[in-house]
Structure formats: C-alpha cells, structure tokens
Protein backbone atom coordinates (compact mmCIF):
# COMPACT_ATOMS: atom_id res chain seq x y z
CA MET A 1 12.11 -2.15 -13.44
CA TYR A 2 8.93 -3.74 -12.72
CA SER A 3 7.16 -4.39 -9.46
CA LEU A 4 4.94 -6.85 -8.40
CA TYR A 5 1.83 -6.76 -6.29
CA LEU A 6 0.48 -10.10 -5.00
CA HIS A 7 -2.96 -10.01 -3.26
CA ILE A 8 -3.98 -12.61 -0.70
CA PRO A 9 -7.46 -12.16 -0.01
CA PHE A 10 -7.94 -14.22 3.09
CA CYS A 11 -8.99 -13.19 6.61
CA ARG A 12 -10.10 -14.62 9.76
CA HIS A 13 -12.68 -12.04 9.96
CA ARG A 14 -13.45 -8.68 8.22
CA CYS A 15 -12.74 -5.58 10.47
CA SER A 16 -15.44 -3.04 11.20
CA TYR A 17 -13.57 -0.18 8.96
CA CYS A 18 -12.45 -2.78 6.08
CA ASP A 19 -13.89 -2.57 2.54
CA PHE A 20 -10.88 -4.44 1.15
CA ASN A 21 -11.42 -7.39 -1.43
CA THR A 22 -10.95 -9.84 1.37
CA TYR A 23 -12.78 -13.08 2.57
CA ALA A 24 -13.52 -14.86 5.81
CA GLY A 25 -14.32 -18.50 6.08
CA GLN A 26 -12.35 -19.92 2.85
CA GLU A 27 -9.34 -21.58 4.64
CA HIS A 28 -10.21 -24.48 2.35
CA LEU A 29 -9.30 -22.51 -0.98
CA ARG A 30 -5.90 -21.38 0.36
CA ALA A 31 -4.03 -24.10 -1.19
CA ALA A 32 -5.64 -24.01 -4.34
CA TYR A 33 -5.30 -20.30 -4.43
CA VAL A 34 -1.63 -20.29 -4.16
CA GLU A 35 -1.15 -22.62 -7.00
CA ALA A 36 -3.45 -20.22 -8.97
CA LEU A 37 -1.15 -17.17 -8.20
CA CYS A 38 1.73 -19.32 -9.29
CA GLN A 39 -0.11 -20.06 -12.64
CA GLU A 40 -0.68 -16.52 -13.16
CA ILE A 41 2.98 -15.49 -12.57
CA ARG A 42 3.83 -18.14 -15.11
CA LEU A 43 1.43 -16.77 -17.80
CA VAL A 44 2.01 -12.93 -17.27
CA ALA A 45 5.76 -13.63 -17.64
CA LEU A 46 5.35 -15.87 -20.72
CA ALA A 47 3.15 -13.20 -22.13
CA ALA A 48 6.03 -10.72 -21.28
CA GLY A 49 8.19 -12.53 -23.99
CA LYS A 50 11.53 -12.30 -21.99
CA PRO A 51 12.21 -12.16 -18.38
CA LEU A 52 11.31 -8.72 -17.02
CA PRO A 53 13.33 -7.31 -14.30
CA VAL A 54 11.56 -6.68 -11.04
CA HIS A 55 13.20 -4.99 -7.70
CA THR A 56 9.98 -5.19 -5.59
CA VAL A 57 7.61 -7.73 -4.46
CA TYR A 58 4.65 -7.09 -2.12
CA PHE A 59 2.41 -9.51 -0.32
CA GLY A 60 -1.02 -7.46 0.24
CA GLY A 61 -4.32 -8.54 1.56
CA GLY A 62 -6.57 -9.27 3.27
CA THR A 63 -3.77 -11.07 5.64
CA PRO A 64 -1.03 -12.66 3.60
CA SER A 65 0.54 -14.31 6.73
CA LEU A 66 -2.41 -16.53 6.76
CA LEU A 67 -0.29 -18.50 4.21
CA THR A 68 2.54 -20.72 5.47
CA PRO A 69 6.13 -19.64 5.21
CA ALA A 70 6.01 -22.64 2.48
CA GLN A 71 3.49 -21.42 0.51
CA ILE A 72 5.06 -17.81 0.49
CA GLY A 73 8.54 -19.57 -0.39
CA HIS A 74 6.79 -21.33 -3.26
CA VAL A 75 5.52 -18.34 -4.77
CA LEU A 76 8.94 -16.08 -4.33
CA GLU A 77 10.62 -19.36 -6.07
CA THR A 78 8.14 -19.05 -8.93
CA ILE A 79 8.93 -15.45 -9.59
CA ALA A 80 12.58 -15.97 -9.22
CA ARG A 81 12.25 -18.47 -12.17
CA ARG A 82 10.32 -16.25 -14.38
CA PHE A 83 11.57 -12.93 -13.89
CA THR A 84 14.77 -11.19 -13.26
CA LEU A 85 14.65 -10.42 -9.34
CA ALA A 86 17.30 -7.30 -8.74
CA GLU A 87 19.92 -8.13 -5.79
CA GLY A 88 18.50 -6.97 -2.96
CA ALA A 89 14.99 -6.74 -3.93
CA GLU A 90 12.58 -5.37 -1.30
CA ILE A 91 10.22 -8.29 -0.80
CA SER A 92 7.69 -7.11 1.55
CA LEU A 93 4.60 -9.09 3.32
CA GLU A 94 1.57 -7.59 5.32
CA ALA A 95 0.93 -9.59 8.87
CA ASN A 96 -1.40 -8.97 11.47
CA PRO A 97 -0.17 -9.42 15.14
CA GLY A 98 -1.34 -12.54 16.52
CA THR A 99 -1.54 -14.43 13.43
CA ILE A 100 2.21 -15.23 13.68
CA ASP A 101 5.01 -16.60 16.06
CA ARG A 102 8.50 -16.67 16.49
CA ALA A 103 8.92 -20.08 14.32
CA TYR A 104 6.83 -18.46 11.66
CA LEU A 105 9.02 -15.12 11.39
CA LYS A 106 12.38 -16.99 11.22
CA ALA A 107 10.81 -19.45 8.17
CA LEU A 108 9.17 -16.27 6.62
CA ARG A 109 12.69 -14.73 6.77
CA LYS A 110 14.61 -17.42 5.34
CA ALA A 111 11.91 -17.70 2.60
CA GLY A 112 13.06 -14.48 1.37
CA VAL A 113 10.60 -12.01 2.71
CA ASN A 114 12.78 -9.05 4.19
CA ARG A 115 10.32 -6.13 4.80
CA LEU A 116 7.27 -6.77 7.43
CA SER A 117 4.55 -4.35 7.67
CA LEU A 118 2.19 -5.13 10.68
CA GLY A 119 -1.32 -3.93 10.66
CA VAL A 120 -1.24 -2.39 14.61
CA GLN A 121 -3.70 0.27 13.93
CA SER A 122 -3.66 1.29 17.36
CA ALA A 123 -2.07 0.85 20.77
CA HIS A 124 -5.00 1.67 22.65
CA PRO A 125 -7.70 -1.22 23.74
CA ASP A 126 -10.90 0.95 22.95
CA ASP A 127 -9.71 1.63 19.43
CA LEU A 128 -8.68 -1.79 18.84
CA ARG A 129 -12.22 -2.93 19.93
CA LEU A 130 -13.95 -0.22 17.71
CA LEU A 131 -11.95 -1.88 14.78
CA GLU A 132 -12.82 -5.00 15.94
CA ARG A 133 -8.99 -6.24 15.80
CA GLU A 134 -8.07 -9.38 16.94
CA HIS A 135 -4.94 -8.32 18.71
CA ASP A 136 -3.80 -6.08 21.64
CA PHE A 137 -0.62 -4.03 21.86
CA VAL A 138 1.09 -6.75 24.08
CA ALA A 139 0.82 -8.89 20.73
CA VAL A 140 2.56 -6.12 18.89
CA ILE A 141 5.40 -5.65 21.35
CA ARG A 142 6.02 -9.40 21.11
CA THR A 143 5.86 -9.83 17.19
CA VAL A 144 8.28 -7.04 17.02
CA ALA A 145 10.66 -8.76 19.11
CA TRP A 146 10.24 -12.16 17.47
CA ALA A 147 10.49 -10.13 13.72
CA ARG A 148 14.07 -8.66 15.15
CA ALA A 149 15.10 -11.88 16.44
CA ALA A 150 14.31 -13.41 13.00
CA GLY A 151 16.57 -11.02 11.38
CA PHE A 152 14.02 -8.56 10.01
CA ASP A 153 15.64 -5.08 9.85
CA ASN A 154 13.09 -3.28 7.81
CA LEU A 155 9.55 -2.88 9.76
CA ASN A 156 6.42 -0.70 8.91
CA LEU A 157 3.75 0.07 11.69
CA ASP A 158 0.29 0.79 9.92
CA LEU A 159 -1.94 2.90 12.31
CA ILE A 160 -5.13 4.73 11.74
CA PHE A 161 -6.43 8.01 13.41
CA GLY A 162 -9.57 10.00 13.21
CA LEU A 163 -11.74 7.53 15.00
CA PRO A 164 -15.02 8.15 16.46
CA HIS A 165 -14.50 8.65 20.31
CA GLN A 166 -10.68 8.90 19.73
CA PRO A 167 -9.29 11.99 21.89
CA LEU A 168 -6.22 13.76 20.56
CA GLU A 169 -4.45 12.66 23.61
CA ARG A 170 -5.27 9.02 22.91
CA TRP A 171 -3.86 9.02 19.68
CA GLN A 172 -0.81 10.77 21.14
CA TRP A 173 -0.16 8.28 23.71
CA SER A 174 -0.94 5.41 20.68
CA LEU A 175 1.60 6.94 18.34
CA GLU A 176 4.32 7.20 21.44
CA GLN A 177 3.62 3.41 22.11
CA ALA A 178 4.70 2.55 18.76
CA THR A 179 7.57 4.77 18.15
CA ALA A 180 9.13 3.06 21.44
CA LEU A 181 9.12 0.08 19.35
CA GLN A 182 11.69 1.64 16.99
CA PRO A 183 10.17 0.55 13.11
CA GLU A 184 12.10 1.70 10.40
CA HIS A 185 8.80 3.03 8.73
CA PHE A 186 5.43 4.13 9.68
CA SER A 187 2.09 4.23 7.51
CA LEU A 188 -0.59 6.87 9.24
CA TYR A 189 -4.10 6.99 7.95
CA ALA A 190 -7.08 9.10 8.61
CA LEU A 191 -9.97 6.80 8.96
CA THR A 192 -12.30 6.60 6.03
CA LEU A 193 -16.09 5.78 6.26
CA GLU A 194 -16.34 3.20 3.65
CA HIS A 195 -20.07 2.47 2.41
CA GLY A 196 -21.17 -0.93 3.36
CA THR A 197 -18.73 -1.60 6.45
CA PRO A 198 -19.89 -1.91 9.81
CA LEU A 199 -18.45 1.16 11.16
CA ALA A 200 -20.26 3.45 8.27
CA HIS A 201 -23.54 1.55 9.24
CA TRP A 202 -22.99 2.43 13.22
CA VAL A 203 -22.26 6.17 12.29
CA ALA A 204 -25.10 6.50 9.83
CA ARG A 205 -27.82 5.07 12.69
CA GLY A 206 -26.16 7.29 15.07
CA LEU A 207 -24.69 4.93 17.30
CA LEU A 208 -21.20 6.66 16.78
CA PRO A 209 -20.49 10.26 16.00
CA ASN A 210 -18.99 11.11 12.52
CA PRO A 211 -15.17 11.55 12.80
CA ASP A 212 -14.31 15.31 13.15
CA PRO A 213 -12.20 16.44 10.17
CA ASP A 214 -10.45 19.38 12.19
CA LEU A 215 -9.58 16.69 14.85
CA ALA A 216 -8.12 14.25 12.66
CA ALA A 217 -6.17 17.34 10.69
CA GLU A 218 -4.76 18.17 14.28
CA MET A 219 -3.88 14.75 14.85
CA TYR A 220 -2.04 14.47 11.32
CA LEU A 221 -0.19 17.69 12.17
CA TRP A 222 0.95 16.41 15.50
CA ALA A 223 1.99 13.05 14.37
CA ASP A 224 4.32 14.54 11.59
CA GLU A 225 5.80 17.00 14.07
CA PHE A 226 6.25 14.22 16.59
CA LEU A 227 7.68 11.79 13.95
CA GLN A 228 10.16 14.38 12.51
CA LYS A 229 11.40 14.92 16.18
CA ASN A 230 12.18 11.09 16.50
CA GLY A 231 14.11 10.79 13.22
CA TYR A 232 11.37 9.68 10.97
CA ALA A 233 11.21 12.20 7.25
CA GLN A 234 7.87 12.43 5.79
CA TYR A 235 8.22 11.45 2.31
CA GLU A 236 4.67 10.90 1.14
CA ILE A 237 1.39 11.92 2.52
CA SER A 238 0.92 9.09 4.53
CA ASN A 239 4.26 7.83 5.02
CA TRP A 240 7.47 8.43 7.44
CA ALA A 241 10.73 6.56 7.32
CA ARG A 242 13.98 6.85 8.74
CA PRO A 243 16.71 7.83 6.08
CA GLY A 244 17.01 5.03 3.36
CA MET A 245 14.23 3.12 4.43
CA ALA A 246 11.36 4.64 2.19
CA CYS A 247 9.19 1.75 0.96
CA ARG A 248 10.48 1.17 -2.80
CA HIS A 249 7.45 -0.68 -3.90
CA ASN A 250 5.17 2.10 -2.85
CA LEU A 251 7.46 4.65 -4.41
CA GLN A 252 6.74 2.68 -7.62
CA TYR A 253 2.99 3.57 -7.53
CA TRP A 254 3.68 7.17 -6.89
CA ARG A 255 6.15 7.51 -9.31
CA ASN A 256 3.66 6.20 -11.59
CA GLN A 257 5.91 3.46 -12.88
CA PRO A 258 4.69 0.01 -14.11
CA TYR A 259 3.66 -2.81 -11.65
CA LEU A 260 2.01 -5.97 -12.26
CA GLY A 261 -1.08 -6.74 -9.96
CA LEU A 262 -1.50 -10.60 -9.47
CA GLY A 263 -4.04 -12.25 -7.45
CA ALA A 264 -8.02 -12.03 -6.86
CA GLY A 265 -9.13 -8.55 -7.21
CA ALA A 266 -5.69 -7.27 -7.87
CA HIS A 267 -5.02 -4.23 -9.93
CA GLY A 268 -1.81 -3.28 -12.36
CA TYR A 269 -0.48 -0.64 -14.69
CA ALA A 270 1.94 -1.63 -17.22
CA ALA A 271 2.51 -1.07 -21.31
CA GLY A 272 0.15 1.96 -21.02
CA VAL A 273 -2.85 -0.26 -19.75
CA ARG A 274 -4.72 -0.51 -16.32
CA THR A 275 -5.89 -4.04 -15.49
CA ALA A 276 -8.10 -5.61 -12.79
CA ASN A 277 -8.51 -9.31 -11.67
CA VAL A 278 -11.88 -11.26 -10.91
CA LEU A 279 -12.54 -10.51 -7.24
CA THR A 280 -13.41 -13.79 -5.44
CA PRO A 281 -10.74 -16.37 -4.76
CA ALA A 282 -13.07 -19.27 -6.19
CA GLY A 283 -13.34 -17.20 -9.40
CA TYR A 284 -9.45 -16.73 -9.63
CA ILE A 285 -8.89 -20.23 -9.05
CA ARG A 286 -11.20 -21.43 -11.83
CA ARG A 287 -9.80 -18.94 -14.56
CA LEU A 288 -6.08 -20.12 -13.63
CA GLY A 289 -6.50 -23.82 -14.01
CA PRO A 290 -3.75 -26.21 -15.54
CA ASP A 291 -5.12 -25.40 -19.18
CA ALA A 292 -5.04 -21.66 -18.96
CA ARG A 293 -2.78 -20.02 -21.60
CA PRO A 294 -1.38 -16.49 -22.02
CA SER A 295 -2.90 -13.55 -22.80
CA VAL A 296 -1.59 -10.15 -24.36
CA PHE A 297 0.59 -8.55 -21.54
CA PRO A 298 0.13 -7.53 -19.26
CA ARG A 299 -3.58 -9.06 -19.06
CA THR A 300 -3.80 -12.59 -17.75
CA PRO A 301 -6.84 -15.28 -17.90
CA ALA A 302 -7.95 -13.57 -14.57
CA THR A 303 -8.08 -10.02 -15.92
CA VAL A 304 -11.43 -8.79 -15.90
CA ASN A 305 -11.21 -5.19 -16.86
CA VAL A 306 -8.76 -3.19 -19.04
CA ARG A 307 -8.46 0.37 -19.38
CA LEU A 308 -6.07 1.67 -22.07
CA LEU A 309 -4.40 5.03 -21.07
CA SER A 310 -4.16 7.89 -23.11
CA PRO A 311 -0.93 10.19 -23.18
CA ALA A 312 -3.56 12.61 -20.97
CA ASP A 313 -4.33 10.07 -18.57
CA GLU A 314 -0.84 9.02 -17.97
CA MET A 315 0.18 12.70 -17.57
CA ALA A 316 -2.81 13.40 -15.07
CA GLU A 317 -1.92 10.26 -12.81
CA THR A 318 1.74 11.25 -12.93
CA MET A 319 1.05 14.62 -11.54
CA MET A 320 -1.87 13.34 -9.51
CA MET A 321 0.60 10.44 -8.01
CA GLY A 322 3.85 12.39 -7.97
CA LEU A 323 2.37 15.17 -5.79
CA ARG A 324 1.71 12.66 -2.78
CA LEU A 325 5.53 12.72 -2.63
CA THR A 326 6.03 15.52 -0.12
CA GLU A 327 9.96 15.89 -0.66
CA GLU A 328 10.16 14.61 -4.31
CA GLY A 329 7.13 16.02 -5.88
CA VAL A 330 6.88 16.18 -9.65
CA ALA A 331 9.98 17.23 -11.62
CA ARG A 332 9.51 19.53 -14.81
CA ARG A 333 12.77 17.95 -16.36
CA ALA A 334 11.38 14.33 -15.67
CA PHE A 335 7.75 15.18 -16.96
CA ALA A 336 9.31 16.74 -20.25
CA GLN A 337 11.34 13.63 -20.99
CA ARG A 338 8.75 11.04 -20.34
CA PHE A 339 5.73 12.95 -22.15
CA GLY A 340 7.34 15.30 -24.56
CA GLN A 341 5.83 18.65 -23.04
CA GLU A 342 6.35 20.95 -20.48
CA MET A 343 4.36 20.71 -17.41
CA MET A 344 3.47 24.17 -17.53
CA ALA A 345 2.24 24.03 -20.97
CA VAL A 346 -0.36 21.33 -20.00
CA TYR A 347 -1.34 22.25 -16.52
CA GLY A 348 -0.16 25.80 -16.33
CA ALA A 349 -3.58 27.34 -15.18
CA ALA A 350 -4.25 24.67 -12.54
CA ILE A 351 -0.67 25.22 -11.20
CA ARG A 352 -0.49 28.83 -10.81
CA ARG A 353 -4.04 28.74 -9.26
CA LEU A 354 -2.99 26.18 -6.54
CA VAL A 355 0.03 27.77 -6.08
CA THR A 356 -2.01 31.26 -5.42
CA GLN A 357 -4.39 29.51 -3.18
CA GLY A 358 -1.24 27.99 -1.20
CA LEU A 359 -1.67 24.44 -1.73
CA LEU A 360 1.24 24.34 -4.16
CA THR A 361 4.80 25.55 -4.16
CA TRP A 362 8.01 25.21 -6.47
CA SER A 363 11.41 24.19 -5.06
CA ALA A 364 13.99 26.70 -4.81
CA ASP A 365 15.59 26.01 -7.90
CA GLY A 366 11.99 26.17 -9.87
CA GLU A 367 12.33 22.25 -10.89
CA ARG A 368 10.06 20.49 -8.53
CA LEU A 369 6.34 21.19 -7.68
CA HIS A 370 5.65 20.26 -4.12
CA LEU A 371 2.24 20.41 -1.91
CA THR A 372 2.58 22.80 0.81
CA ALA A 373 1.67 21.75 4.40
CA ARG A 374 -1.66 22.96 3.73
CA GLY A 375 -2.04 21.33 0.45
CA ARG A 376 -1.13 18.04 2.30
CA LEU A 377 -4.27 18.26 4.23
CA LEU A 378 -6.31 19.00 1.33
CA GLY A 379 -4.79 16.70 -1.17
CA ASN A 380 -7.96 15.41 -2.78
CA ARG A 381 -8.78 19.10 -3.92
CA VAL A 382 -5.48 19.67 -5.51
CA PHE A 383 -5.57 16.33 -7.36
CA ARG A 384 -9.14 17.03 -8.74
CA GLU A 385 -7.34 19.87 -10.46
CA PHE A 386 -5.53 17.56 -12.65
CA VAL A 387 -8.25 15.14 -13.70
C-alpha cells in the first residue's frame, strides 16, 4: 500500500520559527498550482503503469487550508481516478486556526477530508506573539467546535514547547487548555532554531535567550505523563493518540514504507528511490504544463533530485525511522523478512552498546527493539549509530 503526500506551499506570512518550503504573497499562483498538482498526480500514476493502492493522503504545507474546498476536492477526485483509493482511507489536511470557518469545514468534510491537523502551537498569547502566529486560542476553540459540527471525528493539535522565555508552568497550562478540547491526537515538538529564521536571528543577536534543553526535557516528560493520564498513549517520539487514532500516514514514514511526495519541494520514497521536487511554486508550475510527459517511476517532470538507495541505506533508514515508534519499535522478524539478514548480524555491536548505555531495550520476548525513556530524549544520539 502507498501513501501520498501533497505539499501546498502557500502561507499568508512566514512564522518566526518556520524554515519549511513555504511562500507568502503568491495568491495569484494558487489556481495554476492546483492544476499542476493534478497533472503531477496523473503523470506519476501513468509512470507506475497500473493503479497503485493508496490508503492515506496528506495535504501538508505551508497552509493547505488556503486552498478552497473545491480545489481540495478537485485534487482528491484526480487521485480517485488514477489510484485505487482504499475504503476508509485516511485523508488528512493541515489547517491554521483563523484561516477557516464553519462553512469551509463543512465543505471540506464533504469533499472527502476526514482528518484535520490544526497548527495550534500554544494556548498562551505571549508564545503566539513570539512565534508570529496569526490566531489566538479563542480561534482554536471556535475552530474545533466548527470541525466537530462539520463531522470531523479525527482531530490533531500541533503544539511547540521549549520556547525562549517559556516557563514550565506556562507550557503545562497551554497543554491543559488544549487537552480540554478533547482531540483524538497530539503532536508535540521541541523548538528547533533553524538557520535563517527570525527566531534564530534574534537568539544569535542576544535579543532572546537560547532555549534551555534541560527545561525542554522536563516539559517533554511532564507532557508524556499528563497525556497518558488523560487517555493518550505515546506511539512515536513526538506523537500521542487515543486508542486506534494513531496517524496512519505518518506510520507509513516511520515504518519506512513507500510514499509519493507530490508538489513543490515534496520528498518521496518508492521503488528504492528517494526523490525531491523543485522548490518554487512558479518552477513547479512550469515543469507540469499540458505538454509534460511521464518519467520513470517514481520520478515526475518536477523531480530535481534522485537518490538510489542501497540495501545498507534502506536497512539504516528502517532502523532510524522504526525506533521512533515508541511502542512498536523495530521487529527482528520483520527486519529479517524484508532484508534477508538478521538485525543483530548487521547492527549487533551498536545495539549492544546502546542497550548497555540504557538507550535501547528489548521487549520481554526479545522480538522488538525499543528506545528507553532516556533514549527518547537522546534519540539523535541513538540514530547516529545506524548511519
């Protein structure tokens, strides 16, 4: 089964922490961009040579909710004509509170979107100002109510912690406010200062303090305990869900299963190849005009970078991605079936070292390898051992 990631790169403005492939002030390109995206969908389907089975679709960005419901519906209809969309497929869309209203959400649900991911980031006005978000928490409350009324029964809330000048108590209050809205899923991310962003610039100039990693770790551990008490199970380093509500699309990534990345700047992985598309919306549109022709699957005319993965690459990525799954981990049997080699024969020395350091542990039956609680805090250190 395949997944589709569709990148919608438009934003009203760039937030202070954001280094994603997003563009403000290009509203005039949206209609042409949607047509180019549908063209890329058609061309990659032709390159595949048969209707591929798809069980998740994810509209990411950027701000996908800047597209109209009719445009979203047009894209989904194109997918349904060119792929075999599984019954009950998970169709997710990222949205920013303040960019959508009751009528929009009702039309979006009717178009086929059944999972909504809201970029909340914080409930506190000081945090939202620092992050240069356009909404307040009242808009979040209103948006959640509208989404429920429109028939959405699968909501995710994104929040960020570890901000400059953010005390533990403010983070606790913020997550408590968000939890009161009873979403099915939470994604919680520690702030990363990305080069070239205003937030990184302010810290570099001494206008803001560096985020405190010890405080961020305390925030993370508190959040995990709090969410567990409120019925959310952690299933990935940064993700918690009600029973049965884990994000199927993101599980595709973490299990290192194939997905097609379509849209400007999108990345994909299929047929042993990692692909990356041209970054700019204008460049993307130019490459996908009416005369564009199919490429060798999974490439499209928008592809500008291709990396052929060796078996060693795929094994390493399977370990690094799979260990992010805090409950599932990496299964020895599945690894051996996929690669024809026993996990310990390939990575035995690294695994034994990390187990000794208290960063990895085996399940009781010795079948699954997991991060420990300490390993979750030091994940990047663990993952480097498999590069």
